[in-house]
Amino acid sequence: SSTPFTAAGLWTIKADGSDRREHAIVDGGHGQSPVWSADGARLFFVTRQNFGDKTADQDPDALVSSIHSVTISTGEVQTLVTADNARQLDLSISSQGDLVFASNRGGNSEIWTLMADGQLLQVTTDGEGKGHPILLHNSQ
């Protein structure tokens, strides 16, 4: 599509092609890859909330998105981080199960964490735009 931020389905399908299930409509053109929980029981993903806003089809600053999970065994979708008229992007997961992402929910794009216990924390606060957090594992 010539639209950079277009709608697409988020599906799970077994390796043999069986058990095809669509879980949500997500922003398919922005490169927001879903991430799996360590045990493979849940899939975490970013969902665009303003598909009706044609400006957001072309302008990333106009995107409004939230973070969800789907429990694979039941198909239950849960909202983890609401949009609150903001953009949540670049989702990663730590080995402890914490979600790390960039969001402009506080004004500028900063790094946020949704702890495994459900606590939402803003990690950076310097006002410099951020994105694509990379998690490093410290083996010590």
Protein backbone atom coordinates (compact mmCIF):
# COMPACT_ATOMS: atom_id res chain seq x y z
CA SER A 1 0.00 0.00 0.00
CA SER A 2 1.11 3.58 -0.54
CA THR A 3 -0.21 4.38 2.95
CA PRO A 4 2.72 4.06 5.41
CA PHE A 5 0.51 3.45 8.46
CA THR A 6 -2.18 1.07 7.26
CA ALA A 7 -4.43 -1.38 9.11
CA ALA A 8 -3.57 -5.09 9.23
CA GLY A 9 -4.72 -8.15 11.13
CA LEU A 10 -2.73 -9.73 13.94
CA TRP A 11 -3.01 -13.51 13.53
CA THR A 12 -1.66 -16.65 15.15
CA ILE A 13 -1.46 -19.82 13.08
CA LYS A 14 0.06 -23.18 14.00
CA ALA A 15 3.07 -24.30 11.96
CA ASP A 16 0.94 -26.86 10.09
CA GLY A 17 -1.46 -24.10 8.98
CA SER A 18 -4.25 -25.07 11.38
CA ASP A 19 -5.91 -23.09 14.18
CA ARG A 20 -5.87 -19.73 12.37
CA ARG A 21 -7.07 -16.94 14.65
CA GLU A 22 -7.24 -13.20 14.11
CA HIS A 23 -6.82 -11.38 17.42
CA ALA A 24 -6.86 -7.67 16.57
CA ILE A 25 -6.52 -5.02 13.90
CA VAL A 26 -3.16 -3.36 14.34
CA ASP A 27 -1.04 -0.77 12.55
CA GLY A 28 0.49 -2.99 9.88
CA GLY A 29 2.61 -0.44 8.09
CA HIS A 30 4.62 0.98 10.98
CA GLY A 31 6.81 -2.00 11.75
CA GLN A 32 5.44 -2.51 15.27
CA SER A 33 6.34 -6.15 15.78
CA PRO A 34 4.49 -8.06 18.49
CA VAL A 35 6.57 -9.68 21.25
CA TRP A 36 6.03 -13.02 22.99
CA SER A 37 6.06 -13.67 26.72
CA ALA A 38 8.95 -15.91 27.84
CA ASP A 39 6.58 -18.88 28.26
CA GLY A 40 4.87 -18.31 24.88
CA ALA A 41 1.45 -18.04 26.54
CA ARG A 42 0.86 -14.37 25.67
CA LEU A 43 1.55 -12.09 22.74
CA PHE A 44 1.99 -8.35 23.38
CA PHE A 45 1.28 -5.81 20.65
CA VAL A 46 0.67 -2.15 19.79
CA THR A 47 -2.75 -1.24 18.39
CA ARG A 48 -3.49 1.99 16.57
CA GLN A 49 -6.61 3.63 18.00
CA ASN A 50 -7.31 6.31 15.39
CA PHE A 51 -7.72 4.47 12.08
CA GLY A 52 -10.43 7.01 11.16
CA ASP A 53 -7.93 9.91 11.26
CA LYS A 54 -6.56 10.05 7.71
CA THR A 55 -3.80 12.45 8.83
CA ALA A 56 -2.37 9.62 10.93
CA ASP A 57 -2.15 7.43 7.80
CA GLN A 58 0.82 9.58 6.72
CA ASP A 59 2.01 11.50 9.80
CA PRO A 60 3.55 9.49 12.68
CA ASP A 61 3.02 12.44 15.05
CA ALA A 62 -0.75 12.02 14.59
CA LEU A 63 -0.77 8.34 15.59
CA VAL A 64 -2.65 7.33 18.74
CA SER A 65 -1.94 3.81 19.99
CA SER A 66 -2.24 1.52 23.00
CA ILE A 67 -0.63 -1.72 24.17
CA HIS A 68 -2.54 -4.98 24.44
CA SER A 69 -1.93 -8.66 25.06
CA VAL A 70 -3.67 -11.79 23.88
CA THR A 71 -3.65 -15.04 25.84
CA ILE A 72 -3.08 -17.61 23.12
CA SER A 73 -4.93 -20.51 24.76
CA THR A 74 -8.17 -18.54 25.22
CA GLY A 75 -7.93 -15.74 22.64
CA GLU A 76 -8.69 -13.19 25.39
CA VAL A 77 -7.40 -9.71 24.49
CA GLN A 78 -6.55 -7.35 27.34
CA THR A 79 -5.65 -3.64 27.25
CA LEU A 80 -2.45 -3.09 29.22
CA VAL A 81 -1.61 0.56 28.44
CA THR A 82 -4.43 2.83 27.26
CA ALA A 83 -3.80 5.37 24.53
CA ASP A 84 -4.75 8.47 26.56
CA ASN A 85 -4.50 10.44 23.30
CA ALA A 86 -0.83 9.43 23.03
CA ARG A 87 1.38 7.18 20.98
CA GLN A 88 2.93 4.00 22.40
CA LEU A 89 5.56 2.49 20.06
CA ASP A 90 8.63 0.27 19.83
CA LEU A 91 7.58 -2.45 22.25
CA SER A 92 10.20 -4.73 23.87
CA ILE A 93 10.05 -7.20 26.75
CA SER A 94 12.60 -7.86 29.48
CA SER A 95 13.57 -11.30 30.76
CA GLN A 96 11.52 -10.46 33.89
CA GLY A 97 8.39 -9.88 31.79
CA ASP A 98 8.40 -6.07 31.98
CA LEU A 99 7.28 -4.27 28.81
CA VAL A 100 9.47 -1.38 27.66
CA PHE A 101 8.30 1.11 25.05
CA ALA A 102 8.50 4.70 23.80
CA SER A 103 5.54 7.00 24.46
CA ASN A 104 4.66 10.66 24.20
CA ARG A 105 2.02 10.31 26.97
CA GLY A 106 3.94 12.82 29.11
CA GLY A 107 4.56 15.29 26.26
CA ASN A 108 7.85 14.33 24.60
CA SER A 109 8.69 10.82 23.46
CA GLU A 110 10.28 9.12 26.48
CA ILE A 111 10.95 5.53 27.56
CA TRP A 112 8.31 3.88 29.76
CA THR A 113 8.04 0.50 31.46
CA LEU A 114 4.97 -1.53 32.30
CA MET A 115 6.20 -3.72 35.12
CA ALA A 116 5.05 -7.34 35.28
CA ASP A 117 3.02 -6.35 38.39
CA GLY A 118 1.05 -3.77 36.34
CA GLN A 119 2.85 -0.63 37.54
CA LEU A 120 3.44 1.95 34.76
CA LEU A 121 6.69 3.93 35.15
CA GLN A 122 8.27 6.69 33.10
CA VAL A 123 11.97 5.77 32.86
CA THR A 124 13.44 8.83 31.11
CA THR A 125 12.46 12.47 31.67
CA ASP A 126 15.03 14.67 29.91
CA GLY A 127 12.68 15.87 27.13
CA GLU A 128 14.83 14.52 24.29
CA GLY A 129 12.80 12.44 21.84
CA LYS A 130 13.39 8.71 22.20
CA GLY A 131 12.40 5.49 20.51
CA HIS A 132 13.39 1.87 19.96
CA PRO A 133 14.58 0.94 23.46
CA ILE A 134 17.08 -1.92 23.44
CA LEU A 135 17.26 -4.19 26.46
CA LEU A 136 20.67 -5.47 27.51
CA HIS A 137 20.99 -8.50 29.75
CA ASN A 138 23.51 -8.20 32.55
CA SER A 139 24.74 -11.68 33.43
CA GLN A 140 26.30 -10.60 36.75
